[in-house]
Amino acid sequence: MITNDKDYAAGFRDGEQSEQELRSAALRLVELQKVARKTQNKNLRNQARIFVGEWLEVYSKLRWKEEGNSTVEKMAQGIAKNWESIIGLLIVELQRQMFESNRELEEELNKGNSTEKESVTIKSPIQFELLLEKLRAISQSPYQIDSVKKYIRRSKPPHLIAGRPRKK
């Protein structure tokens, strides 16, 4: 009977120690997941900002061609006023490009398949959907007019830039 009590106590201590190790491992895993989500969120936010910046440059280049006598200030106010629809155009363009690339890849993969059941379909990656969510969030809160001006100035045609031409 005494040996059973000792064995039981030793087994109980081992069980408690194993439980503590499992809890600490679970805490470390949760922390690592938090860090990974934070990094992913930061990368998505940066990627969304890059897309917005590039889109604003493209959009303002088109606007310069349409309105030759516009000023940076007027264009920035117009973009800020129509911010949600302009970012909506970016979202639609990204979706179109993703759909087109998926379609081309599916066609390439399905060249040898003769039946519909064997055909390969490709879904948009989760990262792409998260990126679209970030862009939708950005569309809800417009950039400041001064931030928009920065992108407009980059796209300004050389013949509209005042002063001496820049050296190359």
Protein backbone atom coordinates (compact mmCIF):
# COMPACT_ATOMS: atom_id res chain seq x y z
CA MET A 1 0.00 0.00 0.00
CA ILE A 2 2.87 2.37 0.77
CA THR A 3 4.43 1.83 -2.62
CA ASN A 4 1.12 2.60 -4.28
CA ASP A 5 0.95 5.93 -2.46
CA LYS A 6 4.51 6.79 -3.49
CA ASP A 7 3.85 5.75 -7.08
CA TYR A 8 0.64 7.72 -7.09
CA ALA A 9 2.35 10.85 -5.70
CA ALA A 10 5.19 10.53 -8.22
CA GLY A 11 2.72 10.03 -11.07
CA PHE A 12 0.65 12.98 -9.87
CA ARG A 13 3.75 15.24 -9.78
CA ASP A 14 4.74 14.09 -13.27
CA GLY A 15 1.19 14.81 -14.47
CA GLU A 16 1.27 18.31 -12.96
CA GLN A 17 4.67 18.98 -14.51
CA SER A 18 3.46 17.77 -17.93
CA GLU A 19 0.37 19.96 -17.63
CA GLN A 20 2.49 23.01 -16.81
CA GLU A 21 4.76 22.29 -19.79
CA LEU A 22 1.72 21.96 -22.05
CA ARG A 23 0.29 25.24 -20.79
CA SER A 24 3.57 27.06 -21.32
CA ALA A 25 3.89 25.57 -24.82
CA ALA A 26 0.31 26.66 -25.59
CA LEU A 27 1.11 30.19 -24.36
CA ARG A 28 4.20 30.32 -26.57
CA LEU A 29 2.15 29.13 -29.54
CA VAL A 30 -0.49 31.80 -28.92
CA GLU A 31 2.22 34.46 -28.70
CA LEU A 32 3.82 33.25 -31.93
CA GLN A 33 0.41 33.33 -33.65
CA LYS A 34 -0.16 36.90 -32.42
CA VAL A 35 3.24 37.97 -33.77
CA ALA A 36 2.55 36.25 -37.10
CA ARG A 37 -0.88 37.92 -37.42
CA LYS A 38 0.60 41.28 -36.51
CA THR A 39 3.34 40.88 -39.13
CA GLN A 40 0.84 39.71 -41.74
CA ASN A 41 -1.45 42.64 -40.97
CA LYS A 42 1.45 45.07 -41.23
CA ASN A 43 2.56 43.58 -44.56
CA LEU A 44 -0.98 43.71 -45.93
CA ARG A 45 -1.37 47.32 -44.83
CA ASN A 46 1.92 48.24 -46.50
CA GLN A 47 0.97 46.40 -49.67
CA ALA A 48 -2.41 48.14 -49.72
CA ARG A 49 -0.72 51.53 -49.31
CA ILE A 50 1.67 50.73 -52.15
CA PHE A 51 -1.27 49.79 -54.38
CA VAL A 52 -3.10 52.99 -53.43
CA GLY A 53 -0.01 55.10 -54.18
CA GLU A 54 0.56 53.47 -57.55
CA TRP A 55 -3.14 53.74 -58.38
CA LEU A 56 -3.24 57.43 -57.49
CA GLU A 57 -0.30 58.05 -59.81
CA VAL A 58 -1.98 56.16 -62.65
CA TYR A 59 -5.32 57.83 -61.99
CA SER A 60 -3.81 61.31 -61.87
CA LYS A 61 -1.85 60.68 -65.10
CA LEU A 62 -5.16 59.93 -66.78
CA ARG A 63 -6.65 63.06 -65.24
CA TRP A 64 -3.73 65.20 -66.51
CA LYS A 65 -4.44 63.96 -70.03
CA GLU A 66 -8.15 64.77 -69.70
CA GLU A 67 -7.79 68.11 -67.93
CA GLY A 68 -4.71 69.85 -69.25
CA ASN A 69 -5.26 73.11 -67.36
CA SER A 70 -6.08 71.68 -63.92
CA THR A 71 -3.97 72.41 -60.86
CA VAL A 72 -2.60 69.99 -58.32
CA GLU A 73 -4.82 71.50 -55.62
CA LYS A 74 -8.02 71.12 -57.65
CA MET A 75 -7.14 67.58 -58.64
CA ALA A 76 -6.32 66.64 -55.02
CA GLN A 77 -9.63 68.06 -53.82
CA GLY A 78 -11.46 66.13 -56.53
CA ILE A 79 -9.72 62.89 -55.58
CA ALA A 80 -10.43 63.44 -51.87
CA LYS A 81 -14.07 64.20 -52.69
CA ASN A 82 -14.45 61.00 -54.77
CA TRP A 83 -12.09 58.90 -52.65
CA GLU A 84 -14.40 55.94 -52.13
CA SER A 85 -15.21 55.55 -55.82
CA ILE A 86 -11.54 55.94 -56.86
CA ILE A 87 -10.42 53.22 -54.44
CA GLY A 88 -13.41 51.19 -55.62
CA LEU A 89 -11.96 51.40 -59.14
CA LEU A 90 -8.66 50.08 -57.77
CA ILE A 91 -10.41 47.16 -56.07
CA VAL A 92 -12.31 46.31 -59.25
CA GLU A 93 -9.10 46.47 -61.31
CA LEU A 94 -7.25 44.18 -58.88
CA GLN A 95 -10.14 41.71 -58.91
CA ARG A 96 -10.19 41.78 -62.72
CA GLN A 97 -6.46 41.12 -62.91
CA MET A 98 -6.68 38.25 -60.39
CA PHE A 99 -9.63 36.72 -62.26
CA GLU A 100 -7.79 37.04 -65.57
CA SER A 101 -4.59 35.46 -64.26
CA ASN A 102 -6.56 32.62 -62.62
CA ARG A 103 -8.47 32.04 -65.87
CA GLU A 104 -5.24 31.89 -67.91
CA LEU A 105 -3.68 29.47 -65.44
CA GLU A 106 -6.81 27.28 -65.40
CA GLU A 107 -6.82 27.16 -69.21
CA GLU A 108 -3.17 26.12 -69.21
CA LEU A 109 -3.75 23.43 -66.58
CA ASN A 110 -6.89 22.10 -68.23
CA LYS A 111 -5.47 21.75 -71.76
CA GLY A 112 -5.08 17.99 -71.44
CA ASN A 113 -8.32 17.37 -69.51
CA SER A 114 -11.15 16.19 -71.70
CA THR A 115 -13.89 15.97 -69.06
CA GLU A 116 -15.49 18.64 -66.92
CA LYS A 117 -15.05 16.54 -63.77
CA GLU A 118 -11.27 16.49 -64.10
CA SER A 119 -10.94 20.22 -64.73
CA VAL A 120 -8.93 22.30 -62.29
CA THR A 121 -10.39 25.46 -60.77
CA ILE A 122 -8.33 28.00 -58.89
CA LYS A 123 -9.67 30.11 -56.05
CA SER A 124 -8.28 33.47 -55.08
CA PRO A 125 -5.74 33.19 -52.26
CA ILE A 126 -6.77 34.20 -48.76
CA GLN A 127 -4.06 36.89 -48.79
CA PHE A 128 -5.77 38.51 -51.78
CA GLU A 129 -9.12 38.60 -49.97
CA LEU A 130 -7.43 40.13 -46.90
CA LEU A 131 -5.76 42.72 -49.14
CA LEU A 132 -9.16 43.65 -50.59
CA GLU A 133 -10.49 44.04 -47.04
CA LYS A 134 -7.62 46.43 -46.24
CA LEU A 135 -8.35 48.42 -49.39
CA ARG A 136 -12.03 48.63 -48.48
CA ALA A 137 -11.02 49.92 -45.05
CA ILE A 138 -8.76 52.52 -46.69
CA SER A 139 -11.65 53.58 -48.93
CA GLN A 140 -13.69 54.46 -45.84
CA SER A 141 -11.14 56.98 -44.57
CA PRO A 142 -9.67 59.20 -47.30
CA TYR A 143 -6.08 60.35 -47.38
CA GLN A 144 -5.38 63.95 -46.48
CA ILE A 145 -5.24 66.34 -49.42
CA ASP A 146 -1.51 66.94 -48.86
CA SER A 147 -0.84 63.19 -49.10
CA VAL A 148 -2.83 62.98 -52.33
CA LYS A 149 -0.86 65.94 -53.75
CA LYS A 150 2.37 63.98 -53.29
CA TYR A 151 1.17 61.31 -55.73
CA ILE A 152 -0.29 63.85 -58.15
CA ARG A 153 2.99 65.77 -58.35
CA ARG A 154 4.83 62.57 -59.28
CA SER A 155 2.50 62.05 -62.22
CA LYS A 156 2.55 65.61 -63.48
CA PRO A 157 3.64 65.83 -67.13
CA PRO A 158 7.01 67.54 -67.69
CA HIS A 159 5.51 70.35 -69.77
CA LEU A 160 3.37 71.43 -66.79
CA ILE A 161 6.20 71.53 -64.24
CA ALA A 162 7.29 75.08 -63.50
CA GLY A 163 10.92 76.16 -63.52
CA ARG A 164 13.92 74.74 -65.26
CA PRO A 165 13.86 71.19 -66.53
CA ARG A 166 15.54 68.69 -64.24
CA LYS A 167 18.90 67.24 -65.14
CA LYS A 168 18.89 63.58 -66.04
